[in-house]
C-alpha atoms as a PDB file:
ATOM      1  CA  MET A   1      24.726 -42.180 -32.780  1.00  0.00           C
ATOM      2  CA  PRO A   2      27.656 -41.745 -35.243  1.00  0.00           C
ATOM      3  CA  LEU A   3      28.775 -43.633 -37.703  1.00  0.00           C
ATOM      4  CA  TYR A   4      32.587 -43.935 -37.301  1.00  0.00           C
ATOM      5  CA  VAL A   5      34.924 -44.481 -39.849  1.00  0.00           C
ATOM      6  CA  GLY A   6      39.037 -44.740 -39.744  1.00  0.00           C
ATOM      7  CA  THR A   7      41.110 -47.149 -40.093  1.00  0.00           C
ATOM      8  CA  SER A   8      43.197 -49.786 -38.678  1.00  0.00           C
ATOM      9  CA  GLY A   9      46.203 -48.145 -36.881  1.00  0.00           C
ATOM     10  CA  TRP A  10      47.727 -44.904 -37.717  1.00  0.00           C
ATOM     11  CA  GLN A  11      51.479 -45.632 -37.976  1.00  0.00           C
ATOM     12  CA  TYR A  12      52.663 -45.865 -41.688  1.00  0.00           C
ATOM     13  CA  LYS A  13      55.524 -44.569 -43.096  1.00  0.00           C
ATOM     14  CA  ASP A  14      54.158 -44.146 -46.692  1.00  0.00           C
ATOM     15  CA  TRP A  15      51.426 -41.845 -44.950  1.00  0.00           C
ATOM     16  CA  LYS A  16      54.232 -39.104 -44.626  1.00  0.00           C
ATOM     17  CA  GLY A  17      53.219 -36.490 -47.381  1.00  0.00           C
ATOM     18  CA  LEU A  18      49.323 -37.617 -47.611  1.00  0.00           C
ATOM     19  CA  LEU A  19      47.768 -37.580 -44.215  1.00  0.00           C
ATOM     20  CA  TYR A  20      50.719 -36.214 -42.166  1.00  0.00           C
ATOM     21  CA  PRO A  21      52.648 -33.483 -43.402  1.00  0.00           C
ATOM     22  CA  SER A  22      56.583 -34.043 -44.114  1.00  0.00           C
ATOM     23  CA  ASP A  23      57.786 -31.421 -41.363  1.00  0.00           C
ATOM     24  CA  VAL A  24      55.638 -33.298 -38.391  1.00  0.00           C
ATOM     25  CA  PRO A  25      57.871 -35.801 -36.915  1.00  0.00           C
ATOM     26  CA  THR A  26      56.987 -39.074 -36.365  1.00  0.00           C
ATOM     27  CA  ARG A  27      56.123 -39.377 -32.492  1.00  0.00           C
ATOM     28  CA  LEU A  28      53.465 -36.350 -32.886  1.00  0.00           C
ATOM     29  CA  TRP A  29      51.632 -38.780 -35.840  1.00  0.00           C
ATOM     30  CA  LEU A  30      48.850 -40.086 -32.889  1.00  0.00           C
ATOM     31  CA  GLU A  31      48.060 -36.180 -32.778  1.00  0.00           C
ATOM     32  CA  GLU A  32      47.956 -35.238 -36.309  1.00  0.00           C
ATOM     33  CA  TYR A  33      45.639 -38.503 -36.899  1.00  0.00           C
ATOM     34  CA  THR A  34      43.068 -37.065 -34.242  1.00  0.00           C
ATOM     35  CA  ARG A  35      43.035 -33.912 -36.379  1.00  0.00           C
ATOM     36  CA  HIS A  36      41.223 -35.620 -39.388  1.00  0.00           C
ATOM     37  CA  PHE A  37      39.856 -38.667 -37.480  1.00  0.00           C
ATOM     38  CA  ALA A  38      37.681 -39.463 -34.275  1.00  0.00           C
ATOM     39  CA  THR A  39      38.673 -43.294 -33.761  1.00  0.00           C
ATOM     40  CA  VAL A  40      41.088 -45.313 -34.510  1.00  0.00           C
ATOM     41  CA  GLU A  41      41.396 -49.281 -34.316  1.00  0.00           C
ATOM     42  CA  ILE A  42      44.614 -50.536 -32.855  1.00  0.00           C
ATOM     43  CA  ASN A  43      45.806 -53.440 -34.554  1.00  0.00           C
ATOM     44  CA  ASN A  44      48.968 -54.054 -33.361  1.00  0.00           C
ATOM     45  CA  ALA A  45      47.853 -54.959 -30.313  1.00  0.00           C
ATOM     46  CA  PHE A  46      47.129 -58.539 -31.792  1.00  0.00           C
ATOM     47  CA  TYR A  47      51.059 -58.753 -32.145  1.00  0.00           C
ATOM     48  CA  ARG A  48      52.062 -57.193 -28.795  1.00  0.00           C
ATOM     49  CA  LEU A  49      49.619 -56.333 -26.272  1.00  0.00           C
ATOM     50  CA  PRO A  50      50.775 -52.594 -24.917  1.00  0.00           C
ATOM     51  CA  THR A  51      51.288 -51.996 -21.323  1.00  0.00           C
ATOM     52  CA  ARG A  52      48.438 -50.065 -19.445  1.00  0.00           C
ATOM     53  CA  GLU A  53      50.747 -47.092 -19.163  1.00  0.00           C
ATOM     54  CA  THR A  54      50.804 -46.912 -22.764  1.00  0.00           C
ATOM     55  CA  PHE A  55      47.060 -47.076 -23.031  1.00  0.00           C
ATOM     56  CA  GLU A  56      47.092 -44.255 -20.639  1.00  0.00           C
ATOM     57  CA  ALA A  57      49.467 -42.344 -22.598  1.00  0.00           C
ATOM     58  CA  TRP A  58      47.797 -42.760 -25.346  1.00  0.00           C
ATOM     59  CA  ARG A  59      44.266 -41.589 -23.677  1.00  0.00           C
ATOM     60  CA  GLU A  60      46.346 -38.615 -22.744  1.00  0.00           C
ATOM     61  CA  ARG A  61      47.121 -37.566 -25.984  1.00  0.00           C
ATOM     62  CA  VAL A  62      43.685 -38.032 -27.498  1.00  0.00           C
ATOM     63  CA  PRO A  63      40.735 -35.144 -27.554  1.00  0.00           C
ATOM     64  CA  PRO A  64      37.410 -36.635 -25.594  1.00  0.00           C
ATOM     65  CA  ASP A  65      35.614 -36.993 -28.448  1.00  0.00           C
ATOM     66  CA  PHE A  66      38.036 -39.996 -29.780  1.00  0.00           C
ATOM     67  CA  VAL A  67      37.031 -43.558 -29.637  1.00  0.00           C
ATOM     68  CA  VAL A  68      40.052 -46.612 -29.538  1.00  0.00           C
ATOM     69  CA  ALA A  69      38.904 -49.978 -30.874  1.00  0.00           C
ATOM     70  CA  VAL A  70      41.506 -52.345 -29.499  1.00  0.00           C
ATOM     71  CA  LYS A  71      42.203 -55.590 -31.365  1.00  0.00           C
ATOM     72  CA  ALA A  72      42.949 -58.379 -28.716  1.00  0.00           C
ATOM     73  CA  SER A  73      46.079 -60.164 -28.538  1.00  0.00           C
ATOM     74  CA  ARG A  74      47.044 -63.487 -30.770  1.00  0.00           C
ATOM     75  CA  TYR A  75      47.722 -64.968 -27.265  1.00  0.00           C
ATOM     76  CA  LEU A  76      44.063 -65.246 -26.670  1.00  0.00           C
ATOM     77  CA  THR A  77      42.871 -65.461 -30.329  1.00  0.00           C
ATOM     78  CA  HIS A  78      45.668 -67.695 -31.796  1.00  0.00           C
ATOM     79  CA  ILE A  79      47.803 -69.282 -29.215  1.00  0.00           C
ATOM     80  CA  LYS A  80      45.180 -70.103 -26.275  1.00  0.00           C
ATOM     81  CA  ARG A  81      42.467 -70.686 -29.443  1.00  0.00           C
ATOM     82  CA  LEU A  82      39.925 -69.268 -27.197  1.00  0.00           C
ATOM     83  CA  LYS A  83      40.215 -72.020 -24.523  1.00  0.00           C
ATOM     84  CA  ASP A  84      41.163 -70.832 -21.143  1.00  0.00           C
ATOM     85  CA  PRO A  85      40.062 -67.178 -21.444  1.00  0.00           C
ATOM     86  CA  GLU A  86      40.158 -65.710 -17.728  1.00  0.00           C
ATOM     87  CA  GLU A  87      43.581 -64.951 -17.698  1.00  0.00           C
ATOM     88  CA  PRO A  88      43.985 -63.364 -20.801  1.00  0.00           C
ATOM     89  CA  VAL A  89      40.819 -61.268 -21.521  1.00  0.00           C
ATOM     90  CA  GLU A  90      41.343 -60.173 -17.699  1.00  0.00           C
ATOM     91  CA  ARG A  91      45.062 -59.172 -19.091  1.00  0.00           C
ATOM     92  CA  LEU A  92      43.700 -57.487 -22.028  1.00  0.00           C
ATOM     93  CA  MET A  93      40.784 -55.929 -19.963  1.00  0.00           C
ATOM     94  CA  THR A  94      42.934 -54.274 -17.554  1.00  0.00           C
ATOM     95  CA  HIS A  95      45.770 -52.963 -19.738  1.00  0.00           C
ATOM     96  CA  ALA A  96      42.818 -51.218 -22.177  1.00  0.00           C
ATOM     97  CA  ALA A  97      41.220 -49.598 -18.770  1.00  0.00           C
ATOM     98  CA  GLY A  98      44.011 -47.024 -19.025  1.00  0.00           C
ATOM     99  CA  LEU A  99      41.860 -45.616 -22.127  1.00  0.00           C
ATOM    100  CA  ALA A 100      39.180 -45.253 -19.623  1.00  0.00           C
ATOM    101  CA  ASP A 101      35.973 -43.595 -21.558  1.00  0.00           C
ATOM    102  CA  ARG A 102      38.415 -43.213 -24.819  1.00  0.00           C
ATOM    103  CA  LEU A 103      37.929 -47.294 -25.263  1.00  0.00           C
ATOM    104  CA  GLY A 104      35.555 -48.771 -27.989  1.00  0.00           C
ATOM    105  CA  PRO A 105      35.081 -51.927 -29.086  1.00  0.00           C
ATOM    106  CA  VAL A 106      37.271 -54.744 -28.154  1.00  0.00           C
ATOM    107  CA  LEU A 107      37.814 -57.231 -31.657  1.00  0.00           C
ATOM    108  CA  LEU A 108      38.124 -60.568 -31.618  1.00  0.00           C
ATOM    109  CA  GLN A 109      39.755 -61.768 -34.682  1.00  0.00           C
ATOM    110  CA  LEU A 110      39.686 -65.793 -34.902  1.00  0.00           C
ATOM    111  CA  PRO A 111      42.261 -67.468 -36.856  1.00  0.00           C
ATOM    112  CA  PRO A 112      41.158 -68.919 -40.498  1.00  0.00           C
ATOM    113  CA  THR A 113      42.028 -72.432 -39.330  1.00  0.00           C
ATOM    114  CA  LEU A 114      39.564 -72.394 -35.846  1.00  0.00           C
ATOM    115  CA  LYS A 115      36.368 -74.309 -36.241  1.00  0.00           C
ATOM    116  CA  ALA A 116      33.502 -73.404 -35.152  1.00  0.00           C
ATOM    117  CA  ASP A 117      32.782 -74.175 -31.172  1.00  0.00           C
ATOM    118  CA  ALA A 118      29.819 -72.335 -29.748  1.00  0.00           C
ATOM    119  CA  GLY A 119      30.484 -73.479 -26.686  1.00  0.00           C
ATOM    120  CA  LEU A 120      34.022 -71.999 -26.745  1.00  0.00           C
ATOM    121  CA  LEU A 121      33.147 -68.868 -28.043  1.00  0.00           C
ATOM    122  CA  ASP A 122      30.170 -68.780 -25.359  1.00  0.00           C
ATOM    123  CA  ALA A 123      32.988 -69.252 -22.945  1.00  0.00           C
ATOM    124  CA  CYS A 124      35.149 -66.288 -24.109  1.00  0.00           C
ATOM    125  CA  LEU A 125      32.448 -63.830 -24.348  1.00  0.00           C
ATOM    126  CA  ARG A 126      31.076 -64.705 -21.129  1.00  0.00           C
ATOM    127  CA  ARG A 127      34.645 -63.408 -19.297  1.00  0.00           C
ATOM    128  CA  PHE A 128      33.998 -59.545 -21.071  1.00  0.00           C
ATOM    129  CA  PRO A 129      32.541 -57.199 -18.387  1.00  0.00           C
ATOM    130  CA  ALA A 130      28.981 -56.881 -19.505  1.00  0.00           C
ATOM    131  CA  SER A 131      29.807 -52.864 -20.288  1.00  0.00           C
ATOM    132  CA  THR A 132      32.105 -54.000 -22.968  1.00  0.00           C
ATOM    133  CA  ARG A 133      31.398 -54.009 -26.681  1.00  0.00           C
ATOM    134  CA  VAL A 134      32.619 -57.079 -28.088  1.00  0.00           C
ATOM    135  CA  ALA A 135      32.880 -57.748 -31.932  1.00  0.00           C
ATOM    136  CA  VAL A 136      34.132 -61.255 -33.143  1.00  0.00           C
ATOM    137  CA  GLU A 137      35.361 -61.878 -36.802  1.00  0.00           C
ATOM    138  CA  PRO A 138      35.639 -65.626 -37.456  1.00  0.00           C
ATOM    139  CA  ARG A 139      37.575 -66.791 -40.878  1.00  0.00           C
ATOM    140  CA  HIS A 140      36.544 -70.617 -40.647  1.00  0.00           C
ATOM    141  CA  GLU A 141      33.282 -71.235 -42.847  1.00  0.00           C
ATOM    142  CA  SER A 142      31.973 -73.762 -40.298  1.00  0.00           C
ATOM    143  CA  TRP A 143      31.122 -70.492 -38.169  1.00  0.00           C
ATOM    144  CA  TRP A 144      28.184 -69.499 -40.349  1.00  0.00           C
ATOM    145  CA  THR A 145      25.585 -71.539 -38.300  1.00  0.00           C
ATOM    146  CA  PRO A 146      22.716 -70.662 -35.800  1.00  0.00           C
ATOM    147  CA  GLU A 147      24.290 -71.754 -32.429  1.00  0.00           C
ATOM    148  CA  VAL A 148      26.821 -69.601 -33.356  1.00  0.00           C
ATOM    149  CA  ARG A 149      24.735 -66.738 -34.388  1.00  0.00           C
ATOM    150  CA  ALA A 150      22.345 -67.499 -30.856  1.00  0.00           C
ATOM    151  CA  VAL A 151      25.757 -67.026 -28.810  1.00  0.00           C
ATOM    152  CA  LEU A 152      26.658 -63.912 -30.287  1.00  0.00           C
ATOM    153  CA  GLU A 153      23.309 -62.521 -29.919  1.00  0.00           C
ATOM    154  CA  SER A 154      23.088 -63.421 -26.038  1.00  0.00           C
ATOM    155  CA  ARG A 155      26.336 -61.964 -25.814  1.00  0.00           C
ATOM    156  CA  ALA A 156      25.386 -58.680 -27.729  1.00  0.00           C
ATOM    157  CA  ALA A 157      28.427 -59.329 -29.328  1.00  0.00           C
ATOM    158  CA  ALA A 158      28.590 -57.970 -33.246  1.00  0.00           C
ATOM    159  CA  LEU A 159      29.720 -60.169 -36.145  1.00  0.00           C
ATOM    160  CA  CYS A 160      32.376 -57.997 -37.822  1.00  0.00           C
ATOM    161  CA  TRP A 161      31.076 -57.594 -41.573  1.00  0.00           C
ATOM    162  CA  ALA A 162      34.713 -58.187 -43.169  1.00  0.00           C
ATOM    163  CA  ASP A 163      35.286 -57.214 -46.705  1.00  0.00           C
ATOM    164  CA  VAL A 164      37.728 -58.819 -48.911  1.00  0.00           C
ATOM    165  CA  LEU A 165      38.426 -57.597 -52.716  1.00  0.00           C
ATOM    166  CA  SER A 166      34.969 -55.455 -52.373  1.00  0.00           C
ATOM    167  CA  ARG A 167      33.068 -58.852 -51.252  1.00  0.00           C
ATOM    168  CA  PRO A 168      31.533 -59.690 -47.881  1.00  0.00           C
ATOM    169  CA  VAL A 169      33.628 -62.964 -46.679  1.00  0.00           C
ATOM    170  CA  THR A 170      30.857 -63.061 -44.029  1.00  0.00           C
ATOM    171  CA  PRO A 171      26.851 -63.186 -43.318  1.00  0.00           C
ATOM    172  CA  LEU A 172      25.364 -59.935 -42.866  1.00  0.00           C
ATOM    173  CA  TRP A 173      24.077 -60.783 -39.510  1.00  0.00           C
ATOM    174  CA  ARG A 174      22.911 -58.324 -37.223  1.00  0.00           C
ATOM    175  CA  THR A 175      24.146 -60.043 -33.761  1.00  0.00           C
ATOM    176  CA  ALA A 176      23.583 -56.445 -31.780  1.00  0.00           C
ATOM    177  CA  ASP A 177      22.686 -52.973 -31.656  1.00  0.00           C
ATOM    178  CA  TRP A 178      25.992 -51.861 -32.676  1.00  0.00           C
ATOM    179  CA  GLY A 179      27.442 -52.867 -35.820  1.00  0.00           C
ATOM    180  CA  TYR A 180      31.182 -53.178 -36.689  1.00  0.00           C
ATOM    181  CA  VAL A 181      32.829 -53.612 -40.305  1.00  0.00           C
ATOM    182  CA  ARG A 182      36.806 -54.395 -41.600  1.00  0.00           C
ATOM    183  CA  PHE A 183      37.574 -53.440 -44.857  1.00  0.00           C
ATOM    184  CA  HIS A 184      40.542 -55.676 -45.875  1.00  0.00           C
ATOM    185  CA  GLN A 185      41.285 -54.922 -49.534  1.00  0.00           C
ATOM    186  CA  GLY A 186      39.441 -52.956 -52.778  1.00  0.00           C
ATOM    187  CA  ARG A 187      39.674 -54.327 -56.024  1.00  0.00           C
ATOM    188  CA  ALA A 188      39.923 -50.683 -57.493  1.00  0.00           C
ATOM    189  CA  ARG A 189      43.385 -48.822 -58.608  1.00  0.00           C
ATOM    190  CA  PRO A 190      45.900 -48.467 -57.395  1.00  0.00           C
ATOM    191  CA  TRP A 191      45.875 -51.516 -55.127  1.00  0.00           C
ATOM    192  CA  PRO A 192      44.442 -52.144 -52.500  1.00  0.00           C
ATOM    193  CA  ARG A 193      41.359 -49.067 -52.928  1.00  0.00           C
ATOM    194  CA  TYR A 194      38.022 -49.088 -52.850  1.00  0.00           C
ATOM    195  CA  GLY A 195      35.841 -47.901 -55.909  1.00  0.00           C
ATOM    196  CA  ARG A 196      32.858 -45.696 -55.282  1.00  0.00           C
ATOM    197  CA  GLN A 197      30.639 -48.215 -56.389  1.00  0.00           C
ATOM    198  CA  ALA A 198      31.967 -50.616 -52.929  1.00  0.00           C
ATOM    199  CA  LEU A 199      31.341 -48.079 -50.631  1.00  0.00           C
ATOM    200  CA  GLU A 200      28.295 -47.450 -51.732  1.00  0.00           C
ATOM    201  CA  THR A 201      26.951 -51.064 -51.707  1.00  0.00           C
ATOM    202  CA  TRP A 202      28.242 -51.336 -48.306  1.00  0.00           C
ATOM    203  CA  LEU A 203      27.043 -47.821 -47.190  1.00  0.00           C
ATOM    204  CA  ARG A 204      23.339 -49.399 -48.288  1.00  0.00           C
ATOM    205  CA  ARG A 205      23.816 -52.732 -46.776  1.00  0.00           C
ATOM    206  CA  VAL A 206      25.191 -50.544 -43.147  1.00  0.00           C
ATOM    207  CA  ALA A 207      22.196 -48.450 -43.624  1.00  0.00           C
ATOM    208  CA  LYS A 208      19.624 -51.370 -44.317  1.00  0.00           C
ATOM    209  CA  ALA A 209      20.656 -53.158 -40.964  1.00  0.00           C
ATOM    210  CA  PHE A 210      21.490 -49.862 -38.623  1.00  0.00           C
ATOM    211  CA  ASP A 211      19.403 -46.705 -38.601  1.00  0.00           C
ATOM    212  CA  ASP A 212      21.121 -43.187 -38.091  1.00  0.00           C
ATOM    213  CA  SER A 213      20.539 -44.227 -34.050  1.00  0.00           C
ATOM    214  CA  ARG A 214      23.029 -47.231 -34.050  1.00  0.00           C
ATOM    215  CA  ASP A 215      26.477 -46.700 -33.408  1.00  0.00           C
ATOM    216  CA  VAL A 216      28.579 -48.870 -36.249  1.00  0.00           C
ATOM    217  CA  TYR A 217      32.682 -48.595 -36.552  1.00  0.00           C
ATOM    218  CA  THR A 218      33.918 -49.136 -39.978  1.00  0.00           C
ATOM    219  CA  TYR A 219      37.877 -49.424 -40.362  1.00  0.00           C
ATOM    220  CA  PHE A 220      39.613 -49.366 -43.204  1.00  0.00           C
ATOM    221  CA  ASN A 221      42.725 -51.775 -42.829  1.00  0.00           C
ATOM    222  CA  ASN A 222      44.121 -51.688 -46.535  1.00  0.00           C
ATOM    223  CA  ASP A 223      46.633 -49.479 -45.235  1.00  0.00           C
ATOM    224  CA  PRO A 224      49.449 -49.173 -48.248  1.00  0.00           C
ATOM    225  CA  GLY A 225      50.039 -46.241 -49.829  1.00  0.00           C
ATOM    226  CA  GLY A 226      47.430 -44.690 -48.075  1.00  0.00           C
ATOM    227  CA  ALA A 227      44.632 -46.445 -49.646  1.00  0.00           C
ATOM    228  CA  ALA A 228      43.227 -46.733 -45.941  1.00  0.00           C
ATOM    229  CA  VAL A 229      43.160 -42.818 -45.621  1.00  0.00           C
ATOM    230  CA  ALA A 230      41.605 -42.262 -48.936  1.00  0.00           C
ATOM    231  CA  ASP A 231      38.676 -44.755 -48.827  1.00  0.00           C
ATOM    232  CA  ALA A 232      37.804 -43.534 -45.414  1.00  0.00           C
ATOM    233  CA  MET A 233      37.456 -40.302 -46.131  1.00  0.00           C
ATOM    234  CA  ALA A 234      35.393 -41.299 -49.363  1.00  0.00           C
ATOM    235  CA  PHE A 235      33.459 -43.507 -47.523  1.00  0.00           C
ATOM    236  CA  GLY A 236      32.701 -41.146 -44.868  1.00  0.00           C
ATOM    237  CA  ARG A 237      32.055 -38.546 -47.144  1.00  0.00           C
ATOM    238  CA  LEU A 238      29.402 -40.608 -49.253  1.00  0.00           C
ATOM    239  CA  ALA A 239      27.563 -41.518 -45.838  1.00  0.00           C
ATOM    240  CA  ALA A 240      27.315 -37.630 -45.004  1.00  0.00           C
ATOM    241  CA  SER A 241      25.870 -37.073 -48.200  1.00  0.00           C
ATOM    242  CA  ARG A 242      23.311 -39.708 -48.030  1.00  0.00           C
ATOM    243  CA  GLY A 243      22.276 -38.037 -44.544  1.00  0.00           C
ATOM    244  CA  ARG A 244      24.165 -40.292 -42.254  1.00  0.00           C
ATOM    245  CA  THR A 245      25.598 -39.041 -39.216  1.00  0.00           C
ATOM    246  CA  VAL A 246      29.356 -39.440 -39.633  1.00  0.00           C
ATOM    247  CA  THR A 247      32.699 -38.987 -37.605  1.00  0.00           C
ATOM    248  CA  ARG A 248      35.080 -36.591 -39.005  1.00  0.00           C
ATOM    249  CA  THR A 249      37.484 -37.741 -42.230  1.00  0.00           C
ATOM    250  CA  PRO A 250      39.895 -35.702 -43.846  1.00  0.00           C
ATOM    251  CA  ALA A 251      38.427 -32.680 -45.543  1.00  0.00           C
ATOM    252  CA  ALA A 252      41.322 -33.093 -48.142  1.00  0.00           C
ATOM    253  CA  LEU A 253      44.844 -35.044 -48.476  1.00  0.00           C
ATOM    254  CA  SER A 254      48.237 -33.217 -48.967  1.00  0.00           C
ATOM    255  CA  ALA A 255      48.761 -34.953 -52.024  1.00  0.00           C
ATOM    256  CA  THR A 256      46.537 -35.309 -55.104  1.00  0.00           C
ATOM    257  CA  ARG A 257      46.302 -39.033 -55.447  1.00  0.00           C
ATOM    258  CA  VAL A 258      47.170 -42.278 -53.576  1.00  0.00           C
ATOM    259  CA  HIS A 259      50.936 -43.312 -54.530  1.00  0.00           C
ATOM    260  CA  ARG A 260      51.445 -47.045 -55.288  1.00  0.00           C
END
């Protein structure tokens, strides 16, 4: 089982000339991305849930080994705030089913103002198909309780390990037999890069909780200036050097440095 390494999205103009050759048109950036990575997190699904047809079109454009994680629509997490989840979850999964075998985990990123409610979370998770891997990223400190951990474990949902400024902002609970990590912003230069020491520390955390037989999905969300691409490449190389099975990452970037 691999360590999946990718980025949160692929449609960033400042990646042109870094990951994407200047002569590759924007409409072919997804195909170019899949040459370098085997997974992506669809972050913009949070703002507007793509149609099933869009998901189907993406499936046709990516290779058979490609895995797509989908961030749940803010309608479920931020507008409904997990209440009455049946219809939003059904709509999300009906649309995302267009990815078929390319569909990976679904991410629920909760609003920072949403305080812990273990029963509410359980009711929401119960609406997802048992075969769907769901990762949950709470952002209010009240969620760090035994009751919440028990709900995640009972539903085999992964607590998303989130990093901000090269530090975990969530407990490092293992609540499922698979893991999910999001890198939001590092402390290195140029901003918002991650330094080697931070990446090594995270690799040790992952290895301590999950051996090489477990799937762990890692996505770099620090997209400005191509930082996510460079950090994903560095993280993948580092993990491979430590004997980890890693999905493909870029062998090199088109530019010699990441621009600010």
